[in-house]
Amino acid sequence: MTVPSMVSTFLVSLSAIFFVVDPIGVVPLFLAMTAGDTKQQIRSTALRACLVACGLMLFFALFGRVIFQVFAVSLGAFRVAGGILLLITSLDMLRARPSSTRTSPTEEEEGAVKEDVAIVPLAIPLLAGPGAIATAMVLMARSGTSFVSALPVVAAVVLTFGASYFILRASSLVQRVLRQSGVAILERVSGLILAAIAVQFIADGAKDLLK
């Protein structure tokens, strides 16, 4: 794998994973679930949520090929399925509303009253939801089987959750600076980019299936 191709894979992976994880969109829910917590508790919750979500994403990215073999699922079929899931998520983002593929109103209400929300629903399914997991698996499958080819995707996952931690840690500041309208604008721009990536996933998967 050449350096230019690794850089290209990294940039595509970073944009896809960051936009589908969408930490900025999680900020309002994070603020509601950590209302009344001290700064230390907020930092601890954000750290544990991002570590768990990152570990889960890396697990599925690295061992996704084994999962394909166990369930006898082709890469083409998974690309189409992952692309459809991403497309649904992106359409919700374009309308600036929470995606039902990530969490339900019931889960959000439960999270607001639970003592520890870091694992559920913050890490799963808000940060590492089905769409994010599917994206990581498809990107890893596209990049190849060697250790070097996997590095761009792994780096993109780690960088995404590193950024997610700092965004959630400063969630109150992000909310004040962007306000509701700013968050909605970023959601729509991210949704548009994510929709294009989703269509590409579906097109690549359809080509594989037709072969």
Protein backbone atom coordinates (compact mmCIF):
# COMPACT_ATOMS: atom_id res chain seq x y z
CA MET A 1 0.00 0.00 0.00
CA THR A 2 1.59 3.28 -1.11
CA VAL A 3 1.76 6.39 1.07
CA PRO A 4 -0.70 8.41 -1.11
CA SER A 5 -3.25 5.57 -0.99
CA MET A 6 -2.83 5.30 2.79
CA VAL A 7 -3.41 9.04 3.17
CA SER A 8 -6.48 8.82 0.90
CA THR A 9 -7.86 5.86 2.87
CA PHE A 10 -7.24 7.67 6.15
CA LEU A 11 -9.06 10.84 5.02
CA VAL A 12 -12.06 8.89 3.70
CA SER A 13 -12.16 6.75 6.85
CA LEU A 14 -11.82 9.74 9.18
CA SER A 15 -14.62 11.70 7.51
CA ALA A 16 -16.95 8.68 7.36
CA ILE A 17 -16.35 7.55 10.94
CA PHE A 18 -16.39 11.03 12.49
CA PHE A 19 -19.62 12.05 10.78
CA VAL A 20 -21.44 8.83 11.61
CA VAL A 21 -20.26 8.90 15.25
CA ASP A 22 -21.32 12.58 15.27
CA PRO A 23 -20.06 13.64 18.74
CA ILE A 24 -21.41 17.19 18.28
CA GLY A 25 -24.90 15.79 17.80
CA VAL A 26 -24.49 13.82 21.04
CA VAL A 27 -23.69 17.00 23.04
CA PRO A 28 -27.31 17.94 23.93
CA LEU A 29 -28.04 14.38 25.12
CA PHE A 30 -24.76 14.26 27.03
CA LEU A 31 -25.62 17.50 28.81
CA ALA A 32 -29.06 16.17 29.77
CA MET A 33 -27.65 12.88 31.06
CA THR A 34 -24.86 14.51 33.10
CA ALA A 35 -26.93 17.40 34.49
CA GLY A 36 -25.93 18.03 38.11
CA ASP A 37 -22.62 16.17 37.83
CA THR A 38 -19.35 17.77 38.88
CA LYS A 39 -16.68 18.64 36.30
CA GLN A 40 -14.65 15.62 37.39
CA GLN A 41 -17.65 13.32 36.96
CA ILE A 42 -18.38 14.76 33.51
CA ARG A 43 -14.78 14.18 32.41
CA SER A 44 -14.83 10.64 33.79
CA THR A 45 -18.11 9.84 32.03
CA ALA A 46 -16.86 11.24 28.73
CA LEU A 47 -13.57 9.33 28.99
CA ARG A 48 -15.17 5.97 29.81
CA ALA A 49 -17.82 6.38 27.10
CA CYS A 50 -15.22 7.16 24.43
CA LEU A 51 -12.85 4.36 25.54
CA VAL A 52 -15.62 1.75 25.45
CA ALA A 53 -16.98 2.97 22.12
CA CYS A 54 -13.48 3.09 20.61
CA GLY A 55 -12.70 -0.43 21.82
CA LEU A 56 -15.96 -1.75 20.40
CA MET A 57 -15.37 -0.11 17.02
CA LEU A 58 -11.81 -1.43 16.83
CA PHE A 59 -12.98 -4.94 17.71
CA PHE A 60 -15.53 -5.04 14.90
CA ALA A 61 -13.13 -3.35 12.48
CA LEU A 62 -10.31 -5.83 13.14
CA PHE A 63 -12.44 -8.98 13.39
CA GLY A 64 -15.19 -8.06 10.94
CA ARG A 65 -13.80 -10.41 8.30
CA VAL A 66 -14.14 -13.34 10.73
CA ILE A 67 -17.74 -12.31 11.42
CA PHE A 68 -18.40 -12.31 7.65
CA GLN A 69 -17.07 -15.86 7.42
CA VAL A 70 -19.02 -17.16 10.44
CA PHE A 71 -22.33 -15.86 9.12
CA ALA A 72 -21.46 -16.55 5.45
CA VAL A 73 -22.07 -12.91 4.50
CA SER A 74 -20.29 -11.44 1.49
CA LEU A 75 -18.55 -8.07 1.62
CA GLY A 76 -20.84 -6.81 -1.15
CA ALA A 77 -23.97 -7.62 0.85
CA PHE A 78 -22.56 -5.96 3.96
CA ARG A 79 -21.56 -2.87 1.98
CA VAL A 80 -25.12 -2.50 0.69
CA ALA A 81 -26.61 -3.09 4.16
CA GLY A 82 -24.15 -0.69 5.81
CA GLY A 83 -24.73 1.90 3.09
CA ILE A 84 -28.51 1.75 3.57
CA LEU A 85 -28.10 2.12 7.33
CA LEU A 86 -25.77 5.09 6.82
CA LEU A 87 -28.21 6.63 4.34
CA ILE A 88 -31.05 6.44 6.88
CA THR A 89 -28.81 8.07 9.49
CA SER A 90 -27.71 10.80 7.07
CA LEU A 91 -31.32 11.63 6.13
CA ASP A 92 -32.14 12.11 9.82
CA MET A 93 -29.07 14.33 10.16
CA LEU A 94 -30.16 16.42 7.14
CA ARG A 95 -33.44 17.02 8.96
CA ALA A 96 -31.49 17.83 12.16
CA ARG A 97 -33.28 15.24 14.25
CA PRO A 98 -31.98 12.31 16.34
CA SER A 99 -31.61 9.12 14.33
CA SER A 100 -33.80 6.21 15.39
CA THR A 101 -31.03 3.82 14.27
CA ARG A 102 -28.83 5.05 17.14
CA THR A 103 -31.18 5.35 20.10
CA SER A 104 -34.86 5.57 20.96
CA PRO A 105 -36.69 8.13 23.14
CA THR A 106 -37.12 5.43 25.80
CA GLU A 107 -33.35 4.82 25.95
CA GLU A 108 -32.73 8.58 26.20
CA GLU A 109 -35.22 8.89 29.08
CA GLU A 110 -33.63 5.93 30.88
CA GLY A 111 -30.16 7.44 30.37
CA ALA A 112 -31.25 10.72 31.95
CA VAL A 113 -32.14 8.99 35.24
CA LYS A 114 -29.40 6.32 35.42
CA GLU A 115 -26.46 6.79 37.75
CA ASP A 116 -23.86 5.64 35.21
CA VAL A 117 -24.63 6.52 31.58
CA ALA A 118 -21.09 6.08 30.22
CA ILE A 119 -21.59 2.59 28.82
CA VAL A 120 -25.30 2.62 27.94
CA PRO A 121 -26.58 4.68 26.23
CA LEU A 122 -23.56 6.96 25.64
CA ALA A 123 -20.94 4.47 24.39
CA ILE A 124 -23.58 2.11 23.00
CA PRO A 125 -25.55 3.06 20.96
CA LEU A 126 -25.05 6.85 20.84
CA LEU A 127 -21.35 6.85 19.90
CA ALA A 128 -20.77 3.30 18.64
CA GLY A 129 -24.14 2.55 17.09
CA PRO A 130 -24.98 0.07 14.33
CA GLY A 131 -24.15 2.60 11.60
CA ALA A 132 -20.73 3.39 13.06
CA ILE A 133 -19.87 -0.29 13.54
CA ALA A 134 -20.98 -1.15 10.00
CA THR A 135 -18.91 1.76 8.63
CA ALA A 136 -15.75 0.62 10.43
CA MET A 137 -16.20 -2.97 9.21
CA VAL A 138 -16.78 -1.95 5.59
CA LEU A 139 -13.83 0.47 5.57
CA MET A 140 -11.53 -2.18 7.02
CA ALA A 141 -12.71 -4.75 4.49
CA ARG A 142 -12.08 -2.29 1.65
CA SER A 143 -8.59 -1.39 2.84
CA GLY A 144 -7.16 -4.91 2.57
CA THR A 145 -5.94 -7.70 4.81
CA SER A 146 -2.40 -6.59 5.68
CA PHE A 147 -1.42 -4.88 8.94
CA VAL A 148 -0.18 -1.77 7.11
CA SER A 149 -3.43 -1.37 5.14
CA ALA A 150 -5.42 -1.53 8.40
CA LEU A 151 -3.48 1.34 10.00
CA PRO A 152 -5.40 4.23 8.32
CA VAL A 153 -8.77 2.89 9.52
CA VAL A 154 -7.47 2.18 13.04
CA ALA A 155 -5.94 5.67 13.20
CA ALA A 156 -9.23 7.20 12.02
CA VAL A 157 -11.19 5.39 14.75
CA VAL A 158 -8.73 6.38 17.50
CA LEU A 159 -8.57 10.02 16.32
CA THR A 160 -12.38 10.23 16.09
CA PHE A 161 -12.86 9.12 19.68
CA GLY A 162 -9.99 11.27 20.90
CA ALA A 163 -11.79 14.26 19.39
CA SER A 164 -15.12 12.97 20.76
CA TYR A 165 -13.71 12.95 24.29
CA PHE A 166 -12.62 16.58 24.12
CA ILE A 167 -15.93 17.62 22.53
CA LEU A 168 -17.98 15.88 25.23
CA ARG A 169 -15.66 17.12 27.98
CA ALA A 170 -16.32 20.68 26.79
CA SER A 171 -19.97 20.00 25.95
CA SER A 172 -21.35 22.99 27.84
CA LEU A 173 -18.94 25.32 26.00
CA VAL A 174 -19.80 23.72 22.63
CA GLN A 175 -23.51 24.20 23.33
CA ARG A 176 -23.02 27.86 24.29
CA VAL A 177 -20.84 28.66 21.27
CA LEU A 178 -22.83 26.85 18.59
CA ARG A 179 -26.30 27.19 20.13
CA GLN A 180 -29.12 25.06 18.76
CA SER A 181 -29.00 26.62 15.29
CA GLY A 182 -25.25 26.03 14.96
CA VAL A 183 -25.57 22.39 15.97
CA ALA A 184 -28.40 21.98 13.43
CA ILE A 185 -26.28 23.49 10.64
CA LEU A 186 -23.34 21.19 11.40
CA GLU A 187 -25.74 18.23 11.52
CA ARG A 188 -27.05 19.03 8.03
CA VAL A 189 -23.59 19.53 6.51
CA SER A 190 -22.37 16.29 8.09
CA GLY A 191 -25.51 14.52 6.89
CA LEU A 192 -24.90 15.60 3.30
CA ILE A 193 -21.33 14.28 3.31
CA LEU A 194 -22.44 11.08 5.03
CA ALA A 195 -25.18 10.57 2.43
CA ALA A 196 -22.60 10.73 -0.37
CA ILE A 197 -20.41 8.19 1.42
CA ALA A 198 -23.46 5.94 1.96
CA VAL A 199 -24.35 6.04 -1.74
CA GLN A 200 -20.76 5.10 -2.61
CA PHE A 201 -20.93 2.14 -0.20
CA ILE A 202 -24.17 0.95 -1.83
CA ALA A 203 -22.74 1.38 -5.35
CA ASP A 204 -19.58 -0.56 -4.48
CA GLY A 205 -21.62 -3.31 -2.83
CA ALA A 206 -23.99 -3.54 -5.79
CA LYS A 207 -21.02 -3.96 -8.17
CA ASP A 208 -19.66 -6.79 -6.03
CA LEU A 209 -23.04 -8.53 -5.92
CA LEU A 210 -23.55 -8.22 -9.67
CA LYS A 211 -20.19 -9.87 -10.29
